[in-house]
Protein backbone atom coordinates (compact mmCIF):
# COMPACT_ATOMS: atom_id res chain seq x y z
CA UNK A 1 -70.31 -35.08 9.14
CA UNK A 2 -66.89 -35.24 10.75
CA UNK A 3 -64.28 -34.23 8.18
CA UNK A 4 -60.72 -35.32 8.89
CA UNK A 5 -58.09 -32.57 8.99
CA UNK A 6 -55.24 -33.08 6.54
CA UNK A 7 -53.24 -29.86 6.83
CA UNK A 8 -49.79 -29.72 8.28
CA UNK A 9 -47.29 -27.13 9.34
CA UNK A 10 -43.93 -27.11 7.61
CA UNK A 11 -41.97 -24.38 9.35
CA UNK A 12 -44.15 -21.28 8.93
CA UNK A 13 -46.03 -22.80 5.96
CA UNK A 14 -49.49 -24.27 6.32
CA UNK A 15 -49.80 -26.96 3.62
CA UNK A 16 -52.97 -28.76 2.51
CA UNK A 17 -53.52 -31.03 -0.48
CA UNK A 18 -56.51 -32.29 -2.40
CA UNK A 19 -56.60 -34.81 -5.25
CA UNK A 20 -58.99 -34.72 -8.19
CA UNK A 21 -59.71 -37.31 -10.87
CA UNK A 22 -59.59 -34.62 -13.54
CA UNK A 23 -57.11 -33.08 -15.94
CA UNK A 24 -55.04 -30.17 -14.68
CA UNK A 25 -56.74 -27.68 -17.05
CA UNK A 26 -60.14 -28.44 -15.55
CA UNK A 27 -58.91 -28.05 -11.96
CA UNK A 28 -57.11 -24.85 -12.99
CA UNK A 29 -60.44 -23.48 -14.24
CA UNK A 30 -61.99 -24.20 -10.82
CA UNK A 31 -59.29 -22.00 -9.27
CA UNK A 32 -59.26 -19.16 -11.78
CA UNK A 33 -62.64 -18.71 -13.54
CA UNK A 34 -64.95 -16.41 -11.57
CA UNK A 35 -68.11 -18.42 -12.28
CA UNK A 36 -66.37 -21.52 -10.93
CA UNK A 37 -64.68 -19.90 -7.92
CA UNK A 38 -68.13 -18.58 -7.02
CA UNK A 39 -69.24 -22.17 -6.42
CA UNK A 40 -66.82 -22.75 -3.54
CA UNK A 41 -65.13 -19.52 -2.41
CA UNK A 42 -66.68 -16.55 -4.15
CA UNK A 43 -66.61 -14.69 -7.45
CA UNK A 44 -63.91 -12.24 -8.40
CA UNK A 45 -63.70 -9.25 -10.70
CA UNK A 46 -60.94 -7.22 -12.28
CA UNK A 47 -58.06 -7.56 -14.70
CA UNK A 48 -56.45 -10.86 -13.73
CA UNK A 49 -52.76 -10.56 -14.51
CA UNK A 50 -49.58 -10.86 -12.45
CA UNK A 51 -49.02 -7.71 -10.41
CA UNK A 52 -52.66 -6.65 -10.65
CA UNK A 53 -55.16 -6.43 -7.82
CA UNK A 54 -58.55 -8.10 -8.18
CA UNK A 55 -61.59 -7.95 -5.92
CA UNK A 56 -62.70 -11.29 -4.47
CA UNK A 57 -65.99 -11.84 -2.70
CA UNK A 58 -65.72 -14.19 0.24
CA UNK A 59 -69.26 -15.50 -0.12
CA UNK A 60 -68.90 -18.06 2.69
CA UNK A 61 -68.02 -15.36 5.25
CA UNK A 62 -70.52 -13.35 7.27
CA UNK A 63 -71.73 -10.44 5.16
CA UNK A 64 -70.01 -11.88 2.05
CA UNK A 65 -67.34 -9.14 2.06
CA UNK A 66 -65.23 -8.17 -0.92
CA UNK A 67 -61.46 -8.07 -0.42
CA UNK A 68 -58.55 -6.97 -2.57
CA UNK A 69 -56.11 -9.69 -3.60
CA UNK A 70 -52.92 -9.18 -5.57
CA UNK A 71 -51.93 -11.75 -8.16
CA UNK A 72 -48.27 -12.42 -7.38
CA UNK A 73 -47.82 -15.15 -10.00
CA UNK A 74 -50.00 -16.84 -12.60
CA UNK A 75 -48.46 -19.72 -14.54
CA UNK A 76 -51.37 -21.56 -16.23
CA UNK A 77 -52.23 -24.31 -15.55
CA UNK A 78 -49.70 -25.00 -12.80
CA UNK A 79 -49.33 -22.18 -10.28
CA UNK A 80 -51.33 -19.29 -8.86
CA UNK A 81 -49.94 -17.11 -6.07
CA UNK A 82 -52.07 -14.49 -4.35
CA UNK A 83 -51.62 -12.09 -1.47
CA UNK A 84 -53.91 -9.92 0.61
CA UNK A 85 -53.90 -7.93 3.81
CA UNK A 86 -57.06 -7.49 5.87
CA UNK A 87 -58.11 -6.96 9.48
CA UNK A 88 -57.13 -10.60 10.22
CA UNK A 89 -53.57 -10.30 8.93
CA UNK A 90 -51.50 -11.06 5.86
CA UNK A 91 -52.46 -13.79 3.42
CA UNK A 92 -49.66 -15.11 1.22
CA UNK A 93 -51.12 -18.03 -0.75
CA UNK A 94 -49.53 -20.40 -3.26
CA UNK A 95 -51.60 -22.94 -5.21
CA UNK A 96 -49.65 -25.51 -7.25
CA UNK A 97 -51.19 -28.17 -9.49
CA UNK A 98 -49.50 -31.34 -10.72
CA UNK A 99 -51.08 -33.95 -12.97
CA UNK A 100 -50.20 -37.58 -13.45
CA UNK A 101 -52.32 -40.10 -15.33
CA UNK A 102 -55.46 -37.96 -15.35
CA UNK A 103 -55.24 -37.26 -11.61
CA UNK A 104 -54.44 -33.72 -10.47
CA UNK A 105 -53.11 -32.80 -7.06
CA UNK A 106 -53.59 -29.34 -5.60
CA UNK A 107 -50.95 -28.31 -3.10
CA UNK A 108 -52.27 -25.27 -1.24
CA UNK A 109 -49.75 -23.36 0.87
CA UNK A 110 -50.28 -20.36 3.08
CA UNK A 111 -46.97 -18.79 4.02
CA UNK A 112 -47.64 -17.68 7.58
CA UNK A 113 -46.01 -14.76 9.37
CA UNK A 114 -46.27 -16.79 12.59
CA UNK A 115 -48.16 -19.84 13.80
CA UNK A 116 -50.16 -18.25 16.63
CA UNK A 117 -53.45 -18.28 14.65
CA UNK A 118 -53.03 -21.62 12.89
CA UNK A 119 -55.83 -23.12 15.03
CA UNK A 120 -58.29 -20.77 13.32
CA UNK A 121 -56.69 -20.53 9.87
CA UNK A 122 -56.17 -24.26 9.29
CA UNK A 123 -59.81 -25.29 9.78
CA UNK A 124 -60.89 -22.45 7.50
CA UNK A 125 -58.75 -23.68 4.62
CA UNK A 126 -59.86 -27.29 5.22
CA UNK A 127 -63.43 -26.03 4.86
CA UNK A 128 -62.76 -24.05 1.69
CA UNK A 129 -60.83 -26.86 0.01
CA UNK A 130 -63.56 -29.35 0.89
CA UNK A 131 -66.04 -26.85 -0.57
CA UNK A 132 -63.95 -26.92 -3.77
CA UNK A 133 -64.13 -30.72 -3.83
CA UNK A 134 -67.90 -30.65 -3.21
CA UNK A 135 -68.45 -28.06 -5.96
CA UNK A 136 -66.56 -30.19 -8.46
CA UNK A 137 -68.45 -33.35 -7.47
CA UNK A 138 -71.89 -31.71 -7.38
CA UNK A 139 -72.13 -32.60 -3.69
CA UNK A 140 -73.68 -30.46 -0.95
CA UNK A 141 -71.40 -27.77 0.43
CA UNK A 142 -69.75 -28.56 3.76
CA UNK A 143 -70.82 -26.87 6.99
CA UNK A 144 -68.14 -24.71 8.62
CA UNK A 145 -69.39 -25.79 12.06
CA UNK A 146 -68.00 -29.27 11.28
CA UNK A 147 -64.52 -27.75 10.95
CA UNK A 148 -64.19 -25.21 13.71
CA UNK A 149 -63.56 -25.64 16.57
CA UNK A 150 -63.32 -29.42 15.95
CA UNK A 151 -60.05 -29.15 13.96
CA UNK A 152 -58.43 -26.44 16.05
CA UNK A 153 -56.38 -28.85 18.18
CA UNK A 154 -55.06 -30.70 15.10
CA UNK A 155 -53.40 -27.52 13.90
CA UNK A 156 -52.36 -26.08 17.24
CA UNK A 157 -50.64 -29.34 18.21
CA UNK A 158 -48.25 -28.84 15.28
CA UNK A 159 -46.97 -25.48 16.51
CA UNK A 160 -43.38 -25.47 17.74
CA UNK A 161 -42.98 -25.55 21.52
CA UNK A 162 -42.02 -22.33 23.19
C-alpha cells in the first residue's frame, strides 16, 4: 500500500483532514470513547473533563506506553483539544468536527513549537488518522512502514526556507 500524504503546514500548525460518511455524534464517539479510541490509537482512563489529566495508552507505539494528556477543551460533539509533554516534545492537539448533509469532516491540528521535526511527526499523524478511518470501516489497520520514511519529504518540503 502507498498511502498519499494529505497534511500541510500552515505557519507552525500541522493540519490534516479526514472525511467520514457518518453523523458528527458517531465520529465524536470514535475520538472520545475509550473502547473506540482503542481500535485506532489506544484506550484511555481517568476523569475526562476540561482541565483534567487522563492516561492514554499509545498501543501502536513500541512497548504500548501510557502517557498523560491534559484535556484543554471538550465541546461535544465539535471540538476536543489535548496537550501532553513527553521525551519527544510538546503535543498541542486540536480536533474539530463539522457536519454537513450526513458527512463529517475532522480537522486535526497539531500546534507545533517549531517545524524541525515535521518530517517525523506528519507521517505519524497520517498513520493514526488512516488507522481511525480503517477502524470505522472495519478495514485492516495500516502499516506504519508505509508512512515513514516514505512521507518524510512531503512534510519537510513545506518547511520555511532558512
